[in-house]
Amino acid sequence: MSTTFTIDTATSRANPTPAPMKRLTVPAIQRRKVEGAIAEPLVMLTAYTVRMAQLLDPHCDLLLVGDSLGQVVYGLPSTLPVTLDMMIAHGAAVVRGSYHAVVLVDMPFGSYEASPEAAFANAARILAETGCAGVKLEGGAAMAPTIRFLTERGIPVMAHVGLTPQAINALGGYGARGRSQAEEAKIMADAKAVADAGAFALVVEGVVEPIARKITEVSDVPVIGIGASAACDGQVLVAEDMLGLFERTPRFVKRYDDMAAHVTGAVERYAAEVRARTFPGTEQTYAPKS
């Protein structure tokens, strides 16, 4: 059963719903890169819930429902246990909470690697049940035939090369990629292969800066960096990381606030008032009718 339904703004905590506006499209994102360059870099953040989507949407060109939700929302040790059903549920929530940004949903580990046909079946389900604009999948040249198969059948694909978290067991860790000539050559070849296969954009993660810069310069499609280079055509971060909701953040993340401290402070004040019986006060209680 589809999870794409409209929020009842009369009863939902998501009320008031932002006024609808014309949503960006995948072709509009593609057209931002002209003659190998983008005048205004693309802004992309992860979102997993309706409310976060509402807050991020006015400021972002793209919202990514990343499989990082496995760690951020569910406390899993990696992205590997994330399921297709989890991605669909959160993807539908983000679509409901957004009106402006292009919403993309990560294809989780095991949902696209077996064959292009299997990837298409799962990607089609994601689009049908969430209403998102496209999917993102990890992998370079090995995934090029799958990317071509999907795009030729009407499913926009954002590719992801460099450090690919779903392959962490094979990579042996989260360290930066591209420090050797052989690794640099592979990353460059992967980026070219996925772009040639029809990916409308690609994420370059955790690579040394010169490689990310070079990929951006030679690629005809927008290149979104994470732990890469300011020279990329745009940037993406996990929203909870840049907001400071976790004690530890990756080296490439800039913390724009310390939201964990705000939450802790508010909860401490609430707990103190409950224990002192000063909450609820008269403003939060119902008096009998006179």
C-alpha atoms as a PDB file:
ATOM      1  CA  MET A   1       0.000   0.000   0.000  1.00  0.00           C
ATOM      2  CA  SER A   2       1.343   3.431  -0.874  1.00  0.00           C
ATOM      3  CA  THR A   3       2.564   5.650   1.953  1.00  0.00           C
ATOM      4  CA  THR A   4       2.053   8.838  -0.050  1.00  0.00           C
ATOM      5  CA  PHE A   5      -0.880  10.518   1.643  1.00  0.00           C
ATOM      6  CA  THR A   6      -1.634  14.132   2.518  1.00  0.00           C
ATOM      7  CA  ILE A   7      -1.181  15.466   6.029  1.00  0.00           C
ATOM      8  CA  ASP A   8      -4.374  16.608   7.758  1.00  0.00           C
ATOM      9  CA  THR A   9      -3.146  20.051   8.750  1.00  0.00           C
ATOM     10  CA  ALA A  10      -6.140  20.580  11.039  1.00  0.00           C
ATOM     11  CA  THR A  11      -4.904  17.931  13.456  1.00  0.00           C
ATOM     12  CA  SER A  12      -1.235  17.298  12.658  1.00  0.00           C
ATOM     13  CA  ARG A  13       1.658  18.793  14.597  1.00  0.00           C
ATOM     14  CA  ALA A  14       3.078  19.582  11.177  1.00  0.00           C
ATOM     15  CA  ASN A  15       0.518  22.406  10.928  1.00  0.00           C
ATOM     16  CA  PRO A  16       0.957  25.066   9.681  1.00  0.00           C
ATOM     17  CA  THR A  17       2.082  23.502   6.421  1.00  0.00           C
ATOM     18  CA  PRO A  18       4.247  25.854   4.317  1.00  0.00           C
ATOM     19  CA  ALA A  19       2.521  27.368   1.304  1.00  0.00           C
ATOM     20  CA  PRO A  20       3.162  25.154  -1.725  1.00  0.00           C
ATOM     21  CA  MET A  21       5.603  26.459  -4.309  1.00  0.00           C
ATOM     22  CA  LYS A  22       6.911  25.172  -7.588  1.00  0.00           C
ATOM     23  CA  ARG A  23       9.194  22.229  -6.815  1.00  0.00           C
ATOM     24  CA  LEU A  24      12.577  21.979  -8.472  1.00  0.00           C
ATOM     25  CA  THR A  25      13.056  19.118 -10.923  1.00  0.00           C
ATOM     26  CA  VAL A  26      15.910  16.827 -11.885  1.00  0.00           C
ATOM     27  CA  PRO A  27      16.286  18.504 -15.329  1.00  0.00           C
ATOM     28  CA  ALA A  28      16.422  21.900 -13.586  1.00  0.00           C
ATOM     29  CA  ILE A  29      19.280  20.641 -11.422  1.00  0.00           C
ATOM     30  CA  GLN A  30      21.083  19.289 -14.484  1.00  0.00           C
ATOM     31  CA  ARG A  31      20.700  22.603 -16.311  1.00  0.00           C
ATOM     32  CA  ARG A  32      22.449  24.450 -13.494  1.00  0.00           C
ATOM     33  CA  LYS A  33      25.771  23.192 -14.861  1.00  0.00           C
ATOM     34  CA  VAL A  34      26.618  25.164 -17.986  1.00  0.00           C
ATOM     35  CA  GLU A  35      29.874  24.723 -19.889  1.00  0.00           C
ATOM     36  CA  GLY A  36      31.336  22.691 -17.052  1.00  0.00           C
ATOM     37  CA  ALA A  37      30.499  25.092 -14.241  1.00  0.00           C
ATOM     38  CA  ILE A  38      27.690  26.049 -11.840  1.00  0.00           C
ATOM     39  CA  ALA A  39      27.306  29.729 -10.986  1.00  0.00           C
ATOM     40  CA  GLU A  40      25.597  29.151  -7.628  1.00  0.00           C
ATOM     41  CA  PRO A  41      26.552  25.914  -5.837  1.00  0.00           C
ATOM     42  CA  LEU A  42      23.828  23.397  -5.063  1.00  0.00           C
ATOM     43  CA  VAL A  43      22.761  23.022  -1.442  1.00  0.00           C
ATOM     44  CA  MET A  44      21.880  19.518  -0.259  1.00  0.00           C
ATOM     45  CA  LEU A  45      21.154  18.101   3.207  1.00  0.00           C
ATOM     46  CA  THR A  46      19.782  14.846   4.543  1.00  0.00           C
ATOM     47  CA  ALA A  47      16.263  14.675   5.948  1.00  0.00           C
ATOM     48  CA  TYR A  48      14.393  11.746   7.474  1.00  0.00           C
ATOM     49  CA  THR A  49      11.191  13.240   8.944  1.00  0.00           C
ATOM     50  CA  VAL A  50       8.349  15.543   7.981  1.00  0.00           C
ATOM     51  CA  ARG A  51       9.321  18.278  10.420  1.00  0.00           C
ATOM     52  CA  MET A  52      12.987  18.323   9.482  1.00  0.00           C
ATOM     53  CA  ALA A  53      12.034  18.416   5.812  1.00  0.00           C
ATOM     54  CA  GLN A  54       9.832  21.440   6.466  1.00  0.00           C
ATOM     55  CA  LEU A  55      12.669  23.271   8.193  1.00  0.00           C
ATOM     56  CA  LEU A  56      15.326  22.458   5.604  1.00  0.00           C
ATOM     57  CA  ASP A  57      13.262  22.647   2.409  1.00  0.00           C
ATOM     58  CA  PRO A  58      13.206  26.451   1.855  1.00  0.00           C
ATOM     59  CA  HIS A  59      17.013  26.586   1.963  1.00  0.00           C
ATOM     60  CA  CYS A  60      17.951  23.488  -0.051  1.00  0.00           C
ATOM     61  CA  ASP A  61      17.990  22.557  -3.713  1.00  0.00           C
ATOM     62  CA  LEU A  62      17.991  18.842  -2.882  1.00  0.00           C
ATOM     63  CA  LEU A  63      16.962  16.790   0.139  1.00  0.00           C
ATOM     64  CA  LEU A  64      18.477  13.344   0.482  1.00  0.00           C
ATOM     65  CA  VAL A  65      16.732  10.630   2.449  1.00  0.00           C
ATOM     66  CA  GLY A  66      20.031   8.946   3.173  1.00  0.00           C
ATOM     67  CA  ASP A  67      20.574   5.440   4.425  1.00  0.00           C
ATOM     68  CA  SER A  68      22.555   7.222   7.143  1.00  0.00           C
ATOM     69  CA  LEU A  69      19.179   7.165   8.903  1.00  0.00           C
ATOM     70  CA  GLY A  70      20.233   3.718  10.075  1.00  0.00           C
ATOM     71  CA  GLN A  71      22.786   5.348  12.363  1.00  0.00           C
ATOM     72  CA  VAL A  72      21.125   8.725  12.942  1.00  0.00           C
ATOM     73  CA  VAL A  73      17.564   7.536  13.629  1.00  0.00           C
ATOM     74  CA  TYR A  74      17.859   3.866  14.538  1.00  0.00           C
ATOM     75  CA  GLY A  75      21.251   3.716  16.268  1.00  0.00           C
ATOM     76  CA  LEU A  76      22.562   0.986  13.988  1.00  0.00           C
ATOM     77  CA  PRO A  77      26.328   0.442  13.732  1.00  0.00           C
ATOM     78  CA  SER A  78      26.408   1.087   9.978  1.00  0.00           C
ATOM     79  CA  THR A  79      24.136   1.621   6.990  1.00  0.00           C
ATOM     80  CA  LEU A  80      24.209  -2.063   6.039  1.00  0.00           C
ATOM     81  CA  PRO A  81      21.144  -3.222   8.063  1.00  0.00           C
ATOM     82  CA  VAL A  82      18.869  -0.525   6.580  1.00  0.00           C
ATOM     83  CA  THR A  83      15.895  -1.993   4.724  1.00  0.00           C
ATOM     84  CA  LEU A  84      13.902  -0.914   1.702  1.00  0.00           C
ATOM     85  CA  ASP A  85      10.801  -0.523   3.864  1.00  0.00           C
ATOM     86  CA  MET A  86      12.666   1.859   6.177  1.00  0.00           C
ATOM     87  CA  MET A  87      13.806   3.990   3.250  1.00  0.00           C
ATOM     88  CA  ILE A  88      10.314   4.111   1.777  1.00  0.00           C
ATOM     89  CA  ALA A  89       8.653   5.109   5.052  1.00  0.00           C
ATOM     90  CA  HIS A  90      11.097   7.956   5.664  1.00  0.00           C
ATOM     91  CA  GLY A  91      11.149   8.965   1.993  1.00  0.00           C
ATOM     92  CA  ALA A  92       7.381   9.399   1.955  1.00  0.00           C
ATOM     93  CA  ALA A  93       7.584  11.499   5.123  1.00  0.00           C
ATOM     94  CA  VAL A  94      10.167  13.837   3.602  1.00  0.00           C
ATOM     95  CA  VAL A  95       8.171  14.239   0.393  1.00  0.00           C
ATOM     96  CA  ARG A  96       5.107  15.162   2.462  1.00  0.00           C
ATOM     97  CA  GLY A  97       7.100  17.735   4.380  1.00  0.00           C
ATOM     98  CA  SER A  98       8.720  19.467   1.399  1.00  0.00           C
ATOM     99  CA  TYR A  99       7.516  21.669  -1.455  1.00  0.00           C
ATOM    100  CA  HIS A 100      10.629  23.120  -3.050  1.00  0.00           C
ATOM    101  CA  ALA A 101      13.606  20.754  -3.078  1.00  0.00           C
ATOM    102  CA  VAL A 102      14.224  17.728  -5.265  1.00  0.00           C
ATOM    103  CA  VAL A 103      13.836  14.732  -2.934  1.00  0.00           C
ATOM    104  CA  LEU A 104      16.086  11.729  -3.537  1.00  0.00           C
ATOM    105  CA  VAL A 105      16.036   8.421  -1.667  1.00  0.00           C
ATOM    106  CA  ASP A 106      19.047   6.197  -1.099  1.00  0.00           C
ATOM    107  CA  MET A 107      18.741   2.642  -2.316  1.00  0.00           C
ATOM    108  CA  PRO A 108      19.847   0.510   0.651  1.00  0.00           C
ATOM    109  CA  PHE A 109      22.500  -2.176   0.597  1.00  0.00           C
ATOM    110  CA  GLY A 110      21.322  -5.299  -1.215  1.00  0.00           C
ATOM    111  CA  SER A 111      18.470  -3.617  -3.082  1.00  0.00           C
ATOM    112  CA  TYR A 112      20.249  -2.934  -6.394  1.00  0.00           C
ATOM    113  CA  GLU A 113      23.486  -4.912  -6.684  1.00  0.00           C
ATOM    114  CA  ALA A 114      22.123  -8.300  -7.833  1.00  0.00           C
ATOM    115  CA  SER A 115      20.947  -7.207 -11.275  1.00  0.00           C
ATOM    116  CA  PRO A 116      19.639  -4.196 -13.178  1.00  0.00           C
ATOM    117  CA  GLU A 117      16.201  -5.820 -13.191  1.00  0.00           C
ATOM    118  CA  ALA A 118      16.156  -6.193  -9.418  1.00  0.00           C
ATOM    119  CA  ALA A 119      17.363  -2.621  -9.049  1.00  0.00           C
ATOM    120  CA  PHE A 120      14.580  -1.400 -11.318  1.00  0.00           C
ATOM    121  CA  ALA A 121      11.895  -3.236  -9.358  1.00  0.00           C
ATOM    122  CA  ASN A 122      13.080  -1.746  -6.079  1.00  0.00           C
ATOM    123  CA  ALA A 123      13.672   1.744  -7.477  1.00  0.00           C
ATOM    124  CA  ALA A 124      10.233   1.745  -9.078  1.00  0.00           C
ATOM    125  CA  ARG A 125       8.719   0.818  -5.730  1.00  0.00           C
ATOM    126  CA  ILE A 126      10.591   3.680  -4.049  1.00  0.00           C
ATOM    127  CA  LEU A 127       9.318   6.236  -6.565  1.00  0.00           C
ATOM    128  CA  ALA A 128       5.755   4.899  -6.534  1.00  0.00           C
ATOM    129  CA  GLU A 129       5.416   4.706  -2.748  1.00  0.00           C
ATOM    130  CA  THR A 130       7.221   7.894  -1.775  1.00  0.00           C
ATOM    131  CA  GLY A 131       6.618  10.357  -4.600  1.00  0.00           C
ATOM    132  CA  CYS A 132      10.330  11.218  -4.669  1.00  0.00           C
ATOM    133  CA  ALA A 133      12.097  12.483  -7.792  1.00  0.00           C
ATOM    134  CA  GLY A 134      14.828   9.876  -8.019  1.00  0.00           C
ATOM    135  CA  VAL A 135      17.175   7.505  -6.247  1.00  0.00           C
ATOM    136  CA  LYS A 136      20.815   7.500  -5.238  1.00  0.00           C
ATOM    137  CA  LEU A 137      23.004   4.419  -5.363  1.00  0.00           C
ATOM    138  CA  GLU A 138      26.626   3.743  -4.527  1.00  0.00           C
ATOM    139  CA  GLY A 139      29.300   2.322  -6.790  1.00  0.00           C
ATOM    140  CA  GLY A 140      31.318   3.242  -9.842  1.00  0.00           C
ATOM    141  CA  ALA A 141      31.967   1.424 -13.092  1.00  0.00           C
ATOM    142  CA  ALA A 142      30.473  -1.825 -11.769  1.00  0.00           C
ATOM    143  CA  MET A 143      27.130  -0.048 -11.311  1.00  0.00           C
ATOM    144  CA  ALA A 144      27.183   1.765 -14.661  1.00  0.00           C
ATOM    145  CA  PRO A 145      25.032  -0.879 -16.457  1.00  0.00           C
ATOM    146  CA  THR A 146      22.455  -0.654 -13.664  1.00  0.00           C
ATOM    147  CA  ILE A 147      22.412   3.130 -13.806  1.00  0.00           C
ATOM    148  CA  ARG A 148      21.906   3.000 -17.563  1.00  0.00           C
ATOM    149  CA  PHE A 149      19.114   0.420 -17.173  1.00  0.00           C
ATOM    150  CA  LEU A 150      17.285   2.636 -14.657  1.00  0.00           C
ATOM    151  CA  THR A 151      17.709   5.930 -16.470  1.00  0.00           C
ATOM    152  CA  GLU A 152      16.601   4.484 -19.796  1.00  0.00           C
ATOM    153  CA  ARG A 153      13.395   3.419 -18.039  1.00  0.00           C
ATOM    154  CA  GLY A 154      12.612   6.815 -16.578  1.00  0.00           C
ATOM    155  CA  ILE A 155      14.204   6.618 -13.131  1.00  0.00           C
ATOM    156  CA  PRO A 156      16.603   9.495 -12.398  1.00  0.00           C
ATOM    157  CA  VAL A 157      19.761   8.321 -10.631  1.00  0.00           C
ATOM    158  CA  MET A 158      22.310  10.201  -8.576  1.00  0.00           C
ATOM    159  CA  ALA A 159      25.541   8.210  -8.410  1.00  0.00           C
ATOM    160  CA  HIS A 160      27.977   8.042  -5.483  1.00  0.00           C
ATOM    161  CA  VAL A 161      31.715   7.398  -5.831  1.00  0.00           C
ATOM    162  CA  GLY A 162      34.847   7.630  -3.706  1.00  0.00           C
ATOM    163  CA  LEU A 163      34.202   6.565  -0.134  1.00  0.00           C
ATOM    164  CA  THR A 164      31.077   4.394  -0.365  1.00  0.00           C
ATOM    165  CA  PRO A 165      29.820   3.505   3.140  1.00  0.00           C
ATOM    166  CA  GLN A 166      27.865   0.455   1.971  1.00  0.00           C
ATOM    167  CA  ALA A 167      31.200  -1.082   0.911  1.00  0.00           C
ATOM    168  CA  ILE A 168      32.898  -0.324   4.214  1.00  0.00           C
ATOM    169  CA  ASN A 169      33.764  -3.978   4.828  1.00  0.00           C
ATOM    170  CA  ALA A 170      35.627  -4.137   1.534  1.00  0.00           C
ATOM    171  CA  LEU A 171      37.249  -0.727   1.978  1.00  0.00           C
ATOM    172  CA  GLY A 172      38.422  -1.521   5.503  1.00  0.00           C
ATOM    173  CA  GLY A 173      37.436   1.799   7.082  1.00  0.00           C
ATOM    174  CA  TYR A 174      36.190   5.333   6.573  1.00  0.00           C
ATOM    175  CA  GLY A 175      39.538   6.902   5.680  1.00  0.00           C
ATOM    176  CA  ALA A 176      39.919   9.308   2.773  1.00  0.00           C
ATOM    177  CA  ARG A 177      40.240   7.724  -0.648  1.00  0.00           C
ATOM    178  CA  GLY A 178      42.552   8.582  -3.525  1.00  0.00           C
ATOM    179  CA  ARG A 179      45.899   8.798  -1.758  1.00  0.00           C
ATOM    180  CA  SER A 180      47.563   6.451  -4.254  1.00  0.00           C
ATOM    181  CA  GLN A 181      47.824   6.796  -8.033  1.00  0.00           C
ATOM    182  CA  ALA A 182      45.930   3.559  -8.556  1.00  0.00           C
ATOM    183  CA  GLU A 183      43.098   4.670  -6.288  1.00  0.00           C
ATOM    184  CA  GLU A 184      42.949   8.071  -7.959  1.00  0.00           C
ATOM    185  CA  ALA A 185      42.709   6.433 -11.383  1.00  0.00           C
ATOM    186  CA  LYS A 186      39.885   4.188 -10.195  1.00  0.00           C
ATOM    187  CA  ILE A 187      37.878   7.059  -8.703  1.00  0.00           C
ATOM    188  CA  MET A 188      38.283   9.133 -11.862  1.00  0.00           C
ATOM    189  CA  ALA A 189      37.222   6.164 -14.012  1.00  0.00           C
ATOM    190  CA  ASP A 190      34.243   5.471 -11.743  1.00  0.00           C
ATOM    191  CA  ALA A 191      33.053   9.070 -11.967  1.00  0.00           C
ATOM    192  CA  LYS A 192      33.275   9.048 -15.763  1.00  0.00           C
ATOM    193  CA  ALA A 193      31.535   5.679 -16.035  1.00  0.00           C
ATOM    194  CA  VAL A 194      28.492   6.640 -13.964  1.00  0.00           C
ATOM    195  CA  ALA A 195      28.116   9.997 -15.716  1.00  0.00           C
ATOM    196  CA  ASP A 196      28.385   8.336 -19.126  1.00  0.00           C
ATOM    197  CA  ALA A 197      25.757   5.801 -18.008  1.00  0.00           C
ATOM    198  CA  GLY A 198      23.216   8.571 -17.476  1.00  0.00           C
ATOM    199  CA  ALA A 199      23.472   9.631 -13.830  1.00  0.00           C
ATOM    200  CA  PHE A 200      22.083  13.173 -13.602  1.00  0.00           C
ATOM    201  CA  ALA A 201      24.522  14.071 -10.812  1.00  0.00           C
ATOM    202  CA  LEU A 202      27.039  12.376  -8.574  1.00  0.00           C
ATOM    203  CA  VAL A 203      28.187  12.535  -4.982  1.00  0.00           C
ATOM    204  CA  VAL A 204      31.931  12.425  -4.400  1.00  0.00           C
ATOM    205  CA  GLU A 205      32.618  11.445  -0.795  1.00  0.00           C
ATOM    206  CA  GLY A 206      35.759  11.345   1.299  1.00  0.00           C
ATOM    207  CA  VAL A 207      38.354  11.854  -1.426  1.00  0.00           C
ATOM    208  CA  VAL A 208      41.466  14.008  -1.359  1.00  0.00           C
ATOM    209  CA  GLU A 209      40.763  17.534  -2.551  1.00  0.00           C
ATOM    210  CA  PRO A 210      42.606  17.539  -5.903  1.00  0.00           C
ATOM    211  CA  ILE A 211      40.636  14.523  -7.135  1.00  0.00           C
ATOM    212  CA  ALA A 212      37.272  16.072  -6.259  1.00  0.00           C
ATOM    213  CA  ARG A 213      38.320  19.279  -7.984  1.00  0.00           C
ATOM    214  CA  LYS A 214      39.424  17.375 -11.087  1.00  0.00           C
ATOM    215  CA  ILE A 215      36.197  15.340 -11.268  1.00  0.00           C
ATOM    216  CA  THR A 216      34.171  18.542 -11.008  1.00  0.00           C
ATOM    217  CA  GLU A 217      36.147  20.204 -13.781  1.00  0.00           C
ATOM    218  CA  VAL A 218      35.827  17.344 -16.262  1.00  0.00           C
ATOM    219  CA  SER A 219      32.303  16.178 -15.466  1.00  0.00           C
ATOM    220  CA  ASP A 220      29.321  17.413 -17.475  1.00  0.00           C
ATOM    221  CA  VAL A 221      26.938  16.628 -14.596  1.00  0.00           C
ATOM    222  CA  PRO A 222      26.732  18.379 -11.211  1.00  0.00           C
ATOM    223  CA  VAL A 223      29.180  17.023  -8.636  1.00  0.00           C
ATOM    224  CA  ILE A 224      28.115  17.184  -4.986  1.00  0.00           C
ATOM    225  CA  GLY A 225      30.938  16.985  -2.472  1.00  0.00           C
ATOM    226  CA  ILE A 226      31.025  15.591   1.056  1.00  0.00           C
ATOM    227  CA  GLY A 227      34.449  15.530   2.599  1.00  0.00           C
ATOM    228  CA  ALA A 228      35.780  16.548  -0.800  1.00  0.00           C
ATOM    229  CA  SER A 229      36.333  20.087  -2.101  1.00  0.00           C
ATOM    230  CA  ALA A 230      34.727  23.528  -2.023  1.00  0.00           C
ATOM    231  CA  ALA A 231      35.314  23.522  -5.777  1.00  0.00           C
ATOM    232  CA  CYS A 232      32.534  20.939  -6.212  1.00  0.00           C
ATOM    233  CA  ASP A 233      29.253  22.060  -7.780  1.00  0.00           C
ATOM    234  CA  GLY A 234      27.506  21.686  -4.422  1.00  0.00           C
ATOM    235  CA  GLN A 235      27.774  20.227  -0.955  1.00  0.00           C
ATOM    236  CA  VAL A 236      25.849  17.706   1.147  1.00  0.00           C
ATOM    237  CA  LEU A 237      26.022  16.939   4.864  1.00  0.00           C
ATOM    238  CA  VAL A 238      24.018  14.913   7.327  1.00  0.00           C
ATOM    239  CA  ALA A 239      21.813  17.626   8.864  1.00  0.00           C
ATOM    240  CA  GLU A 240      22.139  16.247  12.380  1.00  0.00           C
ATOM    241  CA  ASP A 241      25.931  16.449  12.093  1.00  0.00           C
ATOM    242  CA  MET A 242      26.067  20.073  10.995  1.00  0.00           C
ATOM    243  CA  LEU A 243      23.475  21.022  13.648  1.00  0.00           C
ATOM    244  CA  GLY A 244      25.600  19.514  16.409  1.00  0.00           C
ATOM    245  CA  LEU A 245      23.193  16.860  17.629  1.00  0.00           C
ATOM    246  CA  PHE A 246      25.940  14.288  18.171  1.00  0.00           C
ATOM    247  CA  GLU A 247      29.046  14.391  20.340  1.00  0.00           C
ATOM    248  CA  ARG A 248      31.235  13.075  17.534  1.00  0.00           C
ATOM    249  CA  THR A 249      31.197  14.393  13.995  1.00  0.00           C
ATOM    250  CA  PRO A 250      33.422  13.496  11.045  1.00  0.00           C
ATOM    251  CA  ARG A 251      36.434  15.701  10.358  1.00  0.00           C
ATOM    252  CA  PHE A 252      34.876  17.151   7.216  1.00  0.00           C
ATOM    253  CA  VAL A 253      31.759  18.411   9.029  1.00  0.00           C
ATOM    254  CA  LYS A 254      31.452  22.006  10.205  1.00  0.00           C
ATOM    255  CA  ARG A 255      29.130  22.269  13.224  1.00  0.00           C
ATOM    256  CA  TYR A 256      26.921  25.291  12.639  1.00  0.00           C
ATOM    257  CA  ASP A 257      25.247  25.011  16.044  1.00  0.00           C
ATOM    258  CA  ASP A 258      25.198  22.938  19.220  1.00  0.00           C
ATOM    259  CA  MET A 259      21.611  21.718  19.132  1.00  0.00           C
ATOM    260  CA  ALA A 260      22.374  18.938  21.601  1.00  0.00           C
ATOM    261  CA  ALA A 261      23.103  21.575  24.247  1.00  0.00           C
ATOM    262  CA  HIS A 262      19.810  23.365  23.501  1.00  0.00           C
ATOM    263  CA  VAL A 263      17.849  20.136  23.858  1.00  0.00           C
ATOM    264  CA  THR A 264      19.660  19.145  27.032  1.00  0.00           C
ATOM    265  CA  GLY A 265      19.044  22.542  28.594  1.00  0.00           C
ATOM    266  CA  ALA A 266      15.344  22.510  27.752  1.00  0.00           C
ATOM    267  CA  VAL A 267      14.879  18.986  29.130  1.00  0.00           C
ATOM    268  CA  GLU A 268      16.753  19.894  32.322  1.00  0.00           C
ATOM    269  CA  ARG A 269      14.414  22.857  32.887  1.00  0.00           C
ATOM    270  CA  TYR A 270      11.364  20.683  32.216  1.00  0.00           C
ATOM    271  CA  ALA A 271      12.547  17.991  34.613  1.00  0.00           C
ATOM    272  CA  ALA A 272      13.226  20.563  37.346  1.00  0.00           C
ATOM    273  CA  GLU A 273       9.758  22.100  36.991  1.00  0.00           C
ATOM    274  CA  VAL A 274       8.044  18.708  37.055  1.00  0.00           C
ATOM    275  CA  ARG A 275       9.899  17.745  40.229  1.00  0.00           C
ATOM    276  CA  ALA A 276       9.114  21.108  41.794  1.00  0.00           C
ATOM    277  CA  ARG A 277       5.435  20.787  40.785  1.00  0.00           C
ATOM    278  CA  THR A 278       5.591  24.139  38.988  1.00  0.00           C
ATOM    279  CA  PHE A 279       4.649  22.475  35.707  1.00  0.00           C
ATOM    280  CA  PRO A 280       1.933  22.297  34.578  1.00  0.00           C
ATOM    281  CA  GLY A 281       0.854  25.776  35.620  1.00  0.00           C
ATOM    282  CA  THR A 282      -2.491  27.451  35.267  1.00  0.00           C
ATOM    283  CA  GLU A 283      -1.788  28.180  31.598  1.00  0.00           C
ATOM    284  CA  GLN A 284      -1.443  24.451  30.870  1.00  0.00           C
ATOM    285  CA  THR A 285      -4.382  23.114  32.869  1.00  0.00           C
ATOM    286  CA  TYR A 286      -8.133  23.041  32.284  1.00  0.00           C
ATOM    287  CA  ALA A 287     -10.420  24.753  34.796  1.00  0.00           C
ATOM    288  CA  PRO A 288     -14.004  23.539  35.298  1.00  0.00           C
ATOM    289  CA  LYS A 289     -16.726  25.516  33.559  1.00  0.00           C
ATOM    290  CA  SER A 290     -18.392  28.028  35.846  1.00  0.00           C
END
